[in-house]
Amino acid sequence: MEPLNGISIKKQQQDVIGFMAVNKIEFEECDIAANEDNRKWMRENVPENSRPATGNPLPPQIFNEERYCGNYEAFFDAREDNNVYAFLGLTAPPGSKEAEAQAKQQ
């Protein structure tokens, strides 16, 4: 995989934010560029097994409160699999593709 540049990171952030907004999922965007406390918190709370071999984890990193959900790739995979609510630790709303898929599995 090729390294990310600033444009790719911004596009990934916009992709996550857009998905959350369209699906009316409440979220808080934390700016790590302008806020050292946010940057430090993110770096300290990404689990060891989810960190890059070298350097620091790059945004977007997705959390549900204190619970680490994953990075953009994990979010993208969950979205492709209609599994974002589970990825986020949320209950899929009735009538959503994810809720319907879960109902079929039971």
PDB file of N, CA and C in Angstrom:
ATOM      1  N   MET A   1       0.847  -1.169   0.000  1.00  0.00           N
ATOM      2  CA  MET A   1       0.000   0.000   0.000  1.00  0.00           C
ATOM      3  C   MET A   1       0.895   1.236   0.000  1.00  0.00           C
ATOM      4  N   GLU A   2       0.507   2.235  -0.767  1.00  0.00           N
ATOM      5  CA  GLU A   2       1.323   3.446  -0.853  1.00  0.00           C
ATOM      6  C   GLU A   2       1.067   4.348   0.344  1.00  0.00           C
ATOM      7  N   PRO A   3       2.062   5.141   0.735  1.00  0.00           N
ATOM      8  CA  PRO A   3       1.872   6.035   1.878  1.00  0.00           C
ATOM      9  C   PRO A   3       0.815   7.092   1.589  1.00  0.00           C
ATOM     10  N   LEU A   4       0.167   7.526   2.644  1.00  0.00           N
ATOM     11  CA  LEU A   4      -0.873   8.545   2.498  1.00  0.00           C
ATOM     12  C   LEU A   4      -0.253   9.923   2.488  1.00  0.00           C
ATOM     13  N   ASN A   5      -0.823  10.791   1.680  1.00  0.00           N
ATOM     14  CA  ASN A   5      -0.423  12.189   1.755  1.00  0.00           C
ATOM     15  C   ASN A   5      -1.578  12.968   2.360  1.00  0.00           C
ATOM     16  N   GLY A   6      -1.396  14.253   2.583  1.00  0.00           N
ATOM     17  CA  GLY A   6      -2.418  15.078   3.221  1.00  0.00           C
ATOM     18  C   GLY A   6      -3.753  15.043   2.504  1.00  0.00           C
ATOM     19  N   ILE A   7      -3.742  14.985   1.183  1.00  0.00           N
ATOM     20  CA  ILE A   7      -4.997  14.972   0.421  1.00  0.00           C
ATOM     21  C   ILE A   7      -5.758  13.670   0.682  1.00  0.00           C
ATOM     22  N   SER A   8      -5.053  12.550   0.703  1.00  0.00           N
ATOM     23  CA  SER A   8      -5.707  11.269   0.952  1.00  0.00           C
ATOM     24  C   SER A   8      -6.303  11.210   2.352  1.00  0.00           C
ATOM     25  N   ILE A   9      -5.566  11.700   3.332  1.00  0.00           N
ATOM     26  CA  ILE A   9      -6.071  11.713   4.706  1.00  0.00           C
ATOM     27  C   ILE A   9      -7.336  12.559   4.772  1.00  0.00           C
ATOM     28  N   LYS A  10      -7.308  13.743   4.167  1.00  0.00           N
ATOM     29  CA  LYS A  10      -8.477  14.623   4.180  1.00  0.00           C
ATOM     30  C   LYS A  10      -9.662  13.947   3.496  1.00  0.00           C
ATOM     31  N   LYS A  11      -9.420  13.275   2.375  1.00  0.00           N
ATOM     32  CA  LYS A  11     -10.497  12.586   1.665  1.00  0.00           C
ATOM     33  C   LYS A  11     -11.090  11.479   2.536  1.00  0.00           C
ATOM     34  N   GLN A  12     -10.237  10.728   3.215  1.00  0.00           N
ATOM     35  CA  GLN A  12     -10.726   9.666   4.096  1.00  0.00           C
ATOM     36  C   GLN A  12     -11.541  10.252   5.240  1.00  0.00           C
ATOM     37  N   GLN A  13     -11.069  11.345   5.818  1.00  0.00           N
ATOM     38  CA  GLN A  13     -11.814  11.989   6.901  1.00  0.00           C
ATOM     39  C   GLN A  13     -13.186  12.443   6.399  1.00  0.00           C
ATOM     40  N   GLN A  14     -13.221  13.058   5.229  1.00  0.00           N
ATOM     41  CA  GLN A  14     -14.486  13.530   4.666  1.00  0.00           C
ATOM     42  C   GLN A  14     -15.415  12.359   4.367  1.00  0.00           C
ATOM     43  N   ASP A  15     -14.861  11.241   3.935  1.00  0.00           N
ATOM     44  CA  ASP A  15     -15.647  10.047   3.645  1.00  0.00           C
ATOM     45  C   ASP A  15     -16.334   9.536   4.913  1.00  0.00           C
ATOM     46  N   VAL A  16     -15.582   9.438   6.007  1.00  0.00           N
ATOM     47  CA  VAL A  16     -16.135   8.969   7.280  1.00  0.00           C
ATOM     48  C   VAL A  16     -17.197   9.957   7.782  1.00  0.00           C
ATOM     49  N   ILE A  17     -16.854  11.257   7.778  1.00  0.00           N
ATOM     50  CA  ILE A  17     -17.784  12.281   8.264  1.00  0.00           C
ATOM     51  C   ILE A  17     -19.052  12.298   7.423  1.00  0.00           C
ATOM     52  N   GLY A  18     -18.895  12.191   6.113  1.00  0.00           N
ATOM     53  CA  GLY A  18     -20.059  12.172   5.227  1.00  0.00           C
ATOM     54  C   GLY A  18     -20.967  10.994   5.506  1.00  0.00           C
ATOM     55  N   PHE A  19     -20.388   9.819   5.709  1.00  0.00           N
ATOM     56  CA  PHE A  19     -21.183   8.619   6.008  1.00  0.00           C
ATOM     57  C   PHE A  19     -21.950   8.803   7.311  1.00  0.00           C
ATOM     58  N   MET A  20     -21.264   9.309   8.325  1.00  0.00           N
ATOM     59  CA  MET A  20     -21.906   9.506   9.634  1.00  0.00           C
ATOM     60  C   MET A  20     -23.062  10.498   9.514  1.00  0.00           C
ATOM     61  N   ALA A  21     -22.835  11.597   8.801  1.00  0.00           N
ATOM     62  CA  ALA A  21     -23.861  12.629   8.661  1.00  0.00           C
ATOM     63  C   ALA A  21     -25.068  12.103   7.887  1.00  0.00           C
ATOM     64  N   VAL A  22     -24.836  11.427   6.771  1.00  0.00           N
ATOM     65  CA  VAL A  22     -25.929  10.906   5.943  1.00  0.00           C
ATOM     66  C   VAL A  22     -26.768   9.898   6.726  1.00  0.00           C
ATOM     67  N   ASN A  23     -26.111   9.101   7.566  1.00  0.00           N
ATOM     68  CA  ASN A  23     -26.807   8.069   8.333  1.00  0.00           C
ATOM     69  C   ASN A  23     -27.249   8.550   9.716  1.00  0.00           C
ATOM     70  N   LYS A  24     -27.116   9.860   9.947  1.00  0.00           N
ATOM     71  CA  LYS A  24     -27.566  10.485  11.192  1.00  0.00           C
ATOM     72  C   LYS A  24     -26.966   9.810  12.433  1.00  0.00           C
ATOM     73  N   ILE A  25     -25.685   9.467  12.329  1.00  0.00           N
ATOM     74  CA  ILE A  25     -24.952   8.896  13.448  1.00  0.00           C
ATOM     75  C   ILE A  25     -24.227  10.059  14.132  1.00  0.00           C
ATOM     76  N   GLU A  26     -24.526  10.276  15.411  1.00  0.00           N
ATOM     77  CA  GLU A  26     -23.878  11.370  16.128  1.00  0.00           C
ATOM     78  C   GLU A  26     -22.384  11.098  16.230  1.00  0.00           C
ATOM     79  N   PHE A  27     -21.589  12.145  16.005  1.00  0.00           N
ATOM     80  CA  PHE A  27     -20.145  12.014  16.118  1.00  0.00           C
ATOM     81  C   PHE A  27     -19.541  13.348  16.493  1.00  0.00           C
ATOM     82  N   GLU A  28     -18.333  13.274  16.976  1.00  0.00           N
ATOM     83  CA  GLU A  28     -17.557  14.482  17.267  1.00  0.00           C
ATOM     84  C   GLU A  28     -16.244  14.348  16.526  1.00  0.00           C
ATOM     85  N   GLU A  29     -15.945  15.317  15.694  1.00  0.00           N
ATOM     86  CA  GLU A  29     -14.682  15.338  14.973  1.00  0.00           C
ATOM     87  C   GLU A  29     -13.635  15.986  15.871  1.00  0.00           C
ATOM     88  N   CYS A  30     -12.525  15.305  16.081  1.00  0.00           N
ATOM     89  CA  CYS A  30     -11.457  15.831  16.926  1.00  0.00           C
ATOM     90  C   CYS A  30     -10.266  16.184  16.046  1.00  0.00           C
ATOM     91  N   ASP A  31      -9.927  17.452  16.014  1.00  0.00           N
ATOM     92  CA  ASP A  31      -8.828  17.947  15.192  1.00  0.00           C
ATOM     93  C   ASP A  31      -7.513  17.667  15.905  1.00  0.00           C
ATOM     94  N   ILE A  32      -6.661  16.838  15.284  1.00  0.00           N
ATOM     95  CA  ILE A  32      -5.370  16.547  15.910  1.00  0.00           C
ATOM     96  C   ILE A  32      -4.277  17.468  15.389  1.00  0.00           C
ATOM     97  N   ALA A  33      -4.549  18.187  14.301  1.00  0.00           N
ATOM     98  CA  ALA A  33      -3.542  19.108  13.764  1.00  0.00           C
ATOM     99  C   ALA A  33      -3.450  20.362  14.624  1.00  0.00           C
ATOM    100  N   ALA A  34      -4.573  20.861  15.076  1.00  0.00           N
ATOM    101  CA  ALA A  34      -4.604  22.122  15.822  1.00  0.00           C
ATOM    102  C   ALA A  34      -4.660  21.922  17.333  1.00  0.00           C
ATOM    103  N   ASN A  35      -4.825  20.667  17.786  1.00  0.00           N
ATOM    104  CA  ASN A  35      -5.004  20.431  19.214  1.00  0.00           C
ATOM    105  C   ASN A  35      -4.067  19.320  19.679  1.00  0.00           C
ATOM    106  N   GLU A  36      -3.039  19.699  20.388  1.00  0.00           N
ATOM    107  CA  GLU A  36      -2.033  18.746  20.868  1.00  0.00           C
ATOM    108  C   GLU A  36      -2.649  17.699  21.797  1.00  0.00           C
ATOM    109  N   ASP A  37      -3.610  18.087  22.646  1.00  0.00           N
ATOM    110  CA  ASP A  37      -4.256  17.127  23.551  1.00  0.00           C
ATOM    111  C   ASP A  37      -4.984  16.042  22.769  1.00  0.00           C
ATOM    112  N   ASN A  38      -5.693  16.424  21.694  1.00  0.00           N
ATOM    113  CA  ASN A  38      -6.384  15.430  20.859  1.00  0.00           C
ATOM    114  C   ASN A  38      -5.385  14.489  20.195  1.00  0.00           C
ATOM    115  N   ARG A  39      -4.286  15.050  19.689  1.00  0.00           N
ATOM    116  CA  ARG A  39      -3.266  14.231  19.017  1.00  0.00           C
ATOM    117  C   ARG A  39      -2.668  13.234  20.007  1.00  0.00           C
ATOM    118  N   LYS A  40      -2.333  13.723  21.203  1.00  0.00           N
ATOM    119  CA  LYS A  40      -1.751  12.850  22.228  1.00  0.00           C
ATOM    120  C   LYS A  40      -2.743  11.752  22.629  1.00  0.00           C
ATOM    121  N   TRP A  41      -4.017  12.130  22.832  1.00  0.00           N
ATOM    122  CA  TRP A  41      -5.031  11.150  23.233  1.00  0.00           C
ATOM    123  C   TRP A  41      -5.173  10.071  22.167  1.00  0.00           C
ATOM    124  N   MET A  42      -5.255  10.468  20.886  1.00  0.00           N
ATOM    125  CA  MET A  42      -5.399   9.489  19.809  1.00  0.00           C
ATOM    126  C   MET A  42      -4.215   8.532  19.793  1.00  0.00           C
ATOM    127  N   ARG A  43      -3.018   9.078  19.855  1.00  0.00           N
ATOM    128  CA  ARG A  43      -1.827   8.228  19.787  1.00  0.00           C
ATOM    129  C   ARG A  43      -1.743   7.269  20.960  1.00  0.00           C
ATOM    130  N   GLU A  44      -2.165   7.716  22.130  1.00  0.00           N
ATOM    131  CA  GLU A  44      -2.110   6.858  23.317  1.00  0.00           C
ATOM    132  C   GLU A  44      -3.206   5.803  23.330  1.00  0.00           C
ATOM    133  N   ASN A  45      -4.312   6.032  22.617  1.00  0.00           N
ATOM    134  CA  ASN A  45      -5.462   5.137  22.716  1.00  0.00           C
ATOM    135  C   ASN A  45      -5.659   4.210  21.529  1.00  0.00           C
ATOM    136  N   VAL A  46      -4.827   4.326  20.505  1.00  0.00           N
ATOM    137  CA  VAL A  46      -4.841   3.332  19.439  1.00  0.00           C
ATOM    138  C   VAL A  46      -4.084   2.124  19.990  1.00  0.00           C
ATOM    139  N   PRO A  47      -4.713   0.934  19.998  1.00  0.00           N
ATOM    140  CA  PRO A  47      -4.051  -0.248  20.572  1.00  0.00           C
ATOM    141  C   PRO A  47      -2.731  -0.571  19.873  1.00  0.00           C
ATOM    142  N   GLU A  48      -1.823  -1.165  20.621  1.00  0.00           N
ATOM    143  CA  GLU A  48      -0.505  -1.527  20.082  1.00  0.00           C
ATOM    144  C   GLU A  48      -0.609  -2.315  18.777  1.00  0.00           C
ATOM    145  N   ASN A  49      -1.516  -3.289  18.724  1.00  0.00           N
ATOM    146  CA  ASN A  49      -1.621  -4.146  17.539  1.00  0.00           C
ATOM    147  C   ASN A  49      -2.241  -3.439  16.339  1.00  0.00           C
ATOM    148  N   SER A  50      -2.688  -2.201  16.522  1.00  0.00           N
ATOM    149  CA  SER A  50      -3.268  -1.432  15.420  1.00  0.00           C
ATOM    150  C   SER A  50      -2.374  -0.267  15.002  1.00  0.00           C
ATOM    151  N   ARG A  51      -1.196  -0.203  15.567  1.00  0.00           N
ATOM    152  CA  ARG A  51      -0.267   0.885  15.242  1.00  0.00           C
ATOM    153  C   ARG A  51       0.637   0.479  14.081  1.00  0.00           C
ATOM    154  N   PRO A  52       1.086   1.471  13.301  1.00  0.00           N
ATOM    155  CA  PRO A  52       2.032   1.144  12.230  1.00  0.00           C
ATOM    156  C   PRO A  52       3.363   0.680  12.812  1.00  0.00           C
ATOM    157  N   ALA A  53       4.118  -0.070  12.026  1.00  0.00           N
ATOM    158  CA  ALA A  53       5.414  -0.573  12.490  1.00  0.00           C
ATOM    159  C   ALA A  53       6.353   0.574  12.849  1.00  0.00           C
ATOM    160  N   THR A  54       6.278   1.666  12.097  1.00  0.00           N
ATOM    161  CA  THR A  54       7.088   2.840  12.394  1.00  0.00           C
ATOM    162  C   THR A  54       6.198   4.072  12.387  1.00  0.00           C
ATOM    163  N   GLY A  55       6.545   5.033  13.177  1.00  0.00           N
ATOM    164  CA  GLY A  55       5.794   6.278  13.212  1.00  0.00           C
ATOM    165  C   GLY A  55       4.525   6.169  14.044  1.00  0.00           C
ATOM    166  N   ASN A  56       3.692   7.168  13.914  1.00  0.00           N
ATOM    167  CA  ASN A  56       2.449   7.248  14.681  1.00  0.00           C
ATOM    168  C   ASN A  56       1.250   6.906  13.811  1.00  0.00           C
ATOM    169  N   PRO A  57       0.139   6.456  14.434  1.00  0.00           N
ATOM    170  CA  PRO A  57      -1.080   6.213  13.666  1.00  0.00           C
ATOM    171  C   PRO A  57      -1.558   7.511  13.013  1.00  0.00           C
ATOM    172  N   LEU A  58      -1.997   7.401  11.778  1.00  0.00           N
ATOM    173  CA  LEU A  58      -2.500   8.561  11.053  1.00  0.00           C
ATOM    174  C   LEU A  58      -4.024   8.600  11.116  1.00  0.00           C
ATOM    175  N   PRO A  59      -4.593   9.789  11.052  1.00  0.00           N
ATOM    176  CA  PRO A  59      -6.049   9.897  11.018  1.00  0.00           C
ATOM    177  C   PRO A  59      -6.575   9.437   9.664  1.00  0.00           C
ATOM    178  N   PRO A  60      -7.829   9.103   9.564  1.00  0.00           N
ATOM    179  CA  PRO A  60      -8.770   9.065  10.675  1.00  0.00           C
ATOM    180  C   PRO A  60      -8.656   7.764  11.474  1.00  0.00           C
ATOM    181  N   GLN A  61      -8.719   7.910  12.786  1.00  0.00           N
ATOM    182  CA  GLN A  61      -8.836   6.793  13.715  1.00  0.00           C
ATOM    183  C   GLN A  61     -10.212   6.957  14.356  1.00  0.00           C
ATOM    184  N   ILE A  62     -10.963   5.880  14.427  1.00  0.00           N
ATOM    185  CA  ILE A  62     -12.365   5.979  14.838  1.00  0.00           C
ATOM    186  C   ILE A  62     -12.556   5.328  16.200  1.00  0.00           C
ATOM    187  N   PHE A  63     -13.201   6.078  17.087  1.00  0.00           N
ATOM    188  CA  PHE A  63     -13.484   5.628  18.446  1.00  0.00           C
ATOM    189  C   PHE A  63     -14.974   5.801  18.719  1.00  0.00           C
ATOM    190  N   ASN A  64     -15.506   4.964  19.604  1.00  0.00           N
ATOM    191  CA  ASN A  64     -16.832   5.170  20.182  1.00  0.00           C
ATOM    192  C   ASN A  64     -16.561   5.432  21.650  1.00  0.00           C
ATOM    193  N   GLU A  65     -16.568   6.711  22.015  1.00  0.00           N
ATOM    194  CA  GLU A  65     -16.128   7.154  23.342  1.00  0.00           C
ATOM    195  C   GLU A  65     -14.678   6.693  23.530  1.00  0.00           C
ATOM    196  N   GLU A  66     -14.408   5.837  24.520  1.00  0.00           N
ATOM    197  CA  GLU A  66     -13.050   5.363  24.789  1.00  0.00           C
ATOM    198  C   GLU A  66     -12.710   4.106  23.979  1.00  0.00           C
ATOM    199  N   ARG A  67     -13.705   3.458  23.381  1.00  0.00           N
ATOM    200  CA  ARG A  67     -13.509   2.181  22.676  1.00  0.00           C
ATOM    201  C   ARG A  67     -12.964   2.426  21.277  1.00  0.00           C
ATOM    202  N   TYR A  68     -11.820   1.821  20.983  1.00  0.00           N
ATOM    203  CA  TYR A  68     -11.228   1.943  19.657  1.00  0.00           C
ATOM    204  C   TYR A  68     -11.997   1.059  18.676  1.00  0.00           C
ATOM    205  N   CYS A  69     -12.442   1.644  17.579  1.00  0.00           N
ATOM    206  CA  CYS A  69     -13.169   0.892  16.550  1.00  0.00           C
ATOM    207  C   CYS A  69     -12.233   0.462  15.428  1.00  0.00           C
ATOM    208  N   GLY A  70     -11.389   1.377  14.964  1.00  0.00           N
ATOM    209  CA  GLY A  70     -10.453   1.047  13.908  1.00  0.00           C
ATOM    210  C   GLY A  70     -10.055   2.256  13.092  1.00  0.00           C
ATOM    211  N   ASN A  71      -9.275   1.991  12.051  1.00  0.00           N
ATOM    212  CA  ASN A  71      -8.816   3.054  11.168  1.00  0.00           C
ATOM    213  C   ASN A  71      -9.728   3.137   9.938  1.00  0.00           C
ATOM    214  N   TYR A  72      -9.319   3.922   8.967  1.00  0.00           N
ATOM    215  CA  TYR A  72     -10.156   4.113   7.781  1.00  0.00           C
ATOM    216  C   TYR A  72     -10.352   2.803   7.021  1.00  0.00           C
ATOM    217  N   GLU A  73      -9.300   2.013   6.870  1.00  0.00           N
ATOM    218  CA  GLU A  73      -9.427   0.749   6.129  1.00  0.00           C
ATOM    219  C   GLU A  73     -10.461  -0.165   6.776  1.00  0.00           C
ATOM    220  N   ALA A  74     -10.436  -0.253   8.097  1.00  0.00           N
ATOM    221  CA  ALA A  74     -11.405  -1.095   8.810  1.00  0.00           C
ATOM    222  C   ALA A  74     -12.817  -0.533   8.633  1.00  0.00           C
ATOM    223  N   PHE A  75     -12.955   0.790   8.689  1.00  0.00           N
ATOM    224  CA  PHE A  75     -14.252   1.439   8.452  1.00  0.00           C
ATOM    225  C   PHE A  75     -14.743   1.142   7.040  1.00  0.00           C
ATOM    226  N   PHE A  76     -13.855   1.301   6.065  1.00  0.00           N
ATOM    227  CA  PHE A  76     -14.216   1.060   4.670  1.00  0.00           C
ATOM    228  C   PHE A  76     -14.684  -0.382   4.478  1.00  0.00           C
ATOM    229  N   ASP A  77     -13.937  -1.341   5.039  1.00  0.00           N
ATOM    230  CA  ASP A  77     -14.317  -2.751   4.930  1.00  0.00           C
ATOM    231  C   ASP A  77     -15.681  -2.996   5.573  1.00  0.00           C
ATOM    232  N   ALA A  78     -15.911  -2.413   6.740  1.00  0.00           N
ATOM    233  CA  ALA A  78     -17.197  -2.584   7.430  1.00  0.00           C
ATOM    234  C   ALA A  78     -18.328  -1.997   6.590  1.00  0.00           C
ATOM    235  N   ARG A  79     -18.073  -0.865   5.965  1.00  0.00           N
ATOM    236  CA  ARG A  79     -19.097  -0.234   5.129  1.00  0.00           C
ATOM    237  C   ARG A  79     -19.397  -1.104   3.913  1.00  0.00           C
ATOM    238  N   GLU A  80     -18.373  -1.653   3.297  1.00  0.00           N
ATOM    239  CA  GLU A  80     -18.559  -2.525   2.138  1.00  0.00           C
ATOM    240  C   GLU A  80     -19.356  -3.773   2.515  1.00  0.00           C
ATOM    241  N   ASP A  81     -19.199  -4.233   3.751  1.00  0.00           N
ATOM    242  CA  ASP A  81     -19.883  -5.438   4.236  1.00  0.00           C
ATOM    243  C   ASP A  81     -21.216  -5.132   4.910  1.00  0.00           C
ATOM    244  N   ASN A  82     -21.693  -3.874   4.804  1.00  0.00           N
ATOM    245  CA  ASN A  82     -22.917  -3.443   5.500  1.00  0.00           C
ATOM    246  C   ASN A  82     -22.851  -3.806   6.981  1.00  0.00           C
ATOM    247  N   ASN A  83     -21.734  -3.451   7.598  1.00  0.00           N
ATOM    248  CA  ASN A  83     -21.490  -3.834   8.986  1.00  0.00           C
ATOM    249  C   ASN A  83     -20.967  -2.662   9.819  1.00  0.00           C
ATOM    250  N   VAL A  84     -21.251  -1.427   9.400  1.00  0.00           N
ATOM    251  CA  VAL A  84     -20.677  -0.255  10.064  1.00  0.00           C
ATOM    252  C   VAL A  84     -21.193  -0.083  11.479  1.00  0.00           C
ATOM    253  N   TYR A  85     -22.479  -0.335  11.702  1.00  0.00           N
ATOM    254  CA  TYR A  85     -23.008  -0.137  13.058  1.00  0.00           C
ATOM    255  C   TYR A  85     -22.311  -1.071  14.046  1.00  0.00           C
ATOM    256  N   ALA A  86     -22.106  -2.327  13.662  1.00  0.00           N
ATOM    257  CA  ALA A  86     -21.381  -3.257  14.527  1.00  0.00           C
ATOM    258  C   ALA A  86     -19.941  -2.784  14.719  1.00  0.00           C
ATOM    259  N   PHE A  87     -19.308  -2.321  13.651  1.00  0.00           N
ATOM    260  CA  PHE A  87     -17.953  -1.777  13.715  1.00  0.00           C
ATOM    261  C   PHE A  87     -17.881  -0.640  14.738  1.00  0.00           C
ATOM    262  N   LEU A  88     -18.906   0.188  14.752  1.00  0.00           N
ATOM    263  CA  LEU A  88     -18.945   1.336  15.667  1.00  0.00           C
ATOM    264  C   LEU A  88     -19.432   0.969  17.062  1.00  0.00           C
ATOM    265  N   GLY A  89     -19.865  -0.281  17.260  1.00  0.00           N
ATOM    266  CA  GLY A  89     -20.391  -0.692  18.557  1.00  0.00           C
ATOM    267  C   GLY A  89     -21.793  -0.180  18.792  1.00  0.00           C
ATOM    268  N   LEU A  90     -22.543   0.036  17.701  1.00  0.00           N
ATOM    269  CA  LEU A  90     -23.907   0.554  17.784  1.00  0.00           C
ATOM    270  C   LEU A  90     -24.899  -0.491  17.287  1.00  0.00           C
ATOM    271  N   THR A  91     -26.165  -0.316  17.653  1.00  0.00           N
ATOM    272  CA  THR A  91     -27.230  -1.172  17.152  1.00  0.00           C
ATOM    273  C   THR A  91     -27.703  -0.605  15.820  1.00  0.00           C
ATOM    274  N   ALA A  92     -27.774  -1.451  14.821  1.00  0.00           N
ATOM    275  CA  ALA A  92     -28.239  -1.001  13.504  1.00  0.00           C
ATOM    276  C   ALA A  92     -29.714  -0.623  13.595  1.00  0.00           C
ATOM    277  N   PRO A  93     -30.094   0.501  12.983  1.00  0.00           N
ATOM    278  CA  PRO A  93     -31.497   0.921  13.041  1.00  0.00           C
ATOM    279  C   PRO A  93     -32.398  -0.033  12.260  1.00  0.00           C
ATOM    280  N   PRO A  94     -33.643  -0.223  12.705  1.00  0.00           N
ATOM    281  CA  PRO A  94     -34.578  -1.079  11.988  1.00  0.00           C
ATOM    282  C   PRO A  94     -34.718  -0.618  10.542  1.00  0.00           C
ATOM    283  N   GLY A  95     -34.753  -1.577   9.632  1.00  0.00           N
ATOM    284  CA  GLY A  95     -34.919  -1.260   8.222  1.00  0.00           C
ATOM    285  C   GLY A  95     -33.615  -1.016   7.488  1.00  0.00           C
ATOM    286  N   SER A  96     -32.489  -0.902   8.217  1.00  0.00           N
ATOM    287  CA  SER A  96     -31.205  -0.705   7.545  1.00  0.00           C
ATOM    288  C   SER A  96     -30.735  -2.030   6.950  1.00  0.00           C
ATOM    289  N   LYS A  97     -29.862  -1.949   5.958  1.00  0.00           N
ATOM    290  CA  LYS A  97     -29.312  -3.168   5.352  1.00  0.00           C
ATOM    291  C   LYS A  97     -28.624  -4.039   6.407  1.00  0.00           C
ATOM    292  N   GLU A  98     -27.945  -3.384   7.336  1.00  0.00           N
ATOM    293  CA  GLU A  98     -27.239  -4.129   8.367  1.00  0.00           C
ATOM    294  C   GLU A  98     -28.212  -4.846   9.292  1.00  0.00           C
ATOM    295  N   ALA A  99     -29.300  -4.191   9.697  1.00  0.00           N
ATOM    296  CA  ALA A  99     -30.297  -4.826  10.555  1.00  0.00           C
ATOM    297  C   ALA A  99     -30.953  -5.998   9.840  1.00  0.00           C
ATOM    298  N   GLU A 100     -31.254  -5.819   8.569  1.00  0.00           N
ATOM    299  CA  GLU A 100     -31.849  -6.910   7.795  1.00  0.00           C
ATOM    300  C   GLU A 100     -30.900  -8.106   7.685  1.00  0.00           C
ATOM    301  N   ALA A 101     -29.617  -7.832   7.471  1.00  0.00           N
ATOM    302  CA  ALA A 101     -28.629  -8.913   7.379  1.00  0.00           C
ATOM    303  C   ALA A 101     -28.513  -9.651   8.702  1.00  0.00           C
ATOM    304  N   GLN A 102     -28.535  -8.914   9.818  1.00  0.00           N
ATOM    305  CA  GLN A 102     -28.458  -9.542  11.135  1.00  0.00           C
ATOM    306  C   GLN A 102     -29.689 -10.408  11.405  1.00  0.00           C
ATOM    307  N   ALA A 103     -30.844  -9.936  10.983  1.00  0.00           N
ATOM    308  CA  ALA A 103     -32.084 -10.689  11.183  1.00  0.00           C
ATOM    309  C   ALA A 103     -32.050 -12.005  10.418  1.00  0.00           C
ATOM    310  N   LYS A 104     -31.476 -11.986   9.220  1.00  0.00           N
ATOM    311  CA  LYS A 104     -31.373 -13.215   8.410  1.00  0.00           C
ATOM    312  C   LYS A 104     -30.438 -14.232   9.036  1.00  0.00           C
ATOM    313  N   GLN A 105     -29.425 -13.740   9.757  1.00  0.00           N
ATOM    314  CA  GLN A 105     -28.446 -14.636  10.377  1.00  0.00           C
ATOM    315  C   GLN A 105     -29.018 -15.336  11.601  1.00  0.00           C
ATOM    316  N   GLN A 106     -30.057 -14.749  12.213  1.00  0.00           N
ATOM    317  CA  GLN A 106     -30.594 -15.312  13.458  1.00  0.00           C
ATOM    318  C   GLN A 106     -31.622 -16.379  13.203  1.00  0.00           C
TER     319      GLN A 106
END
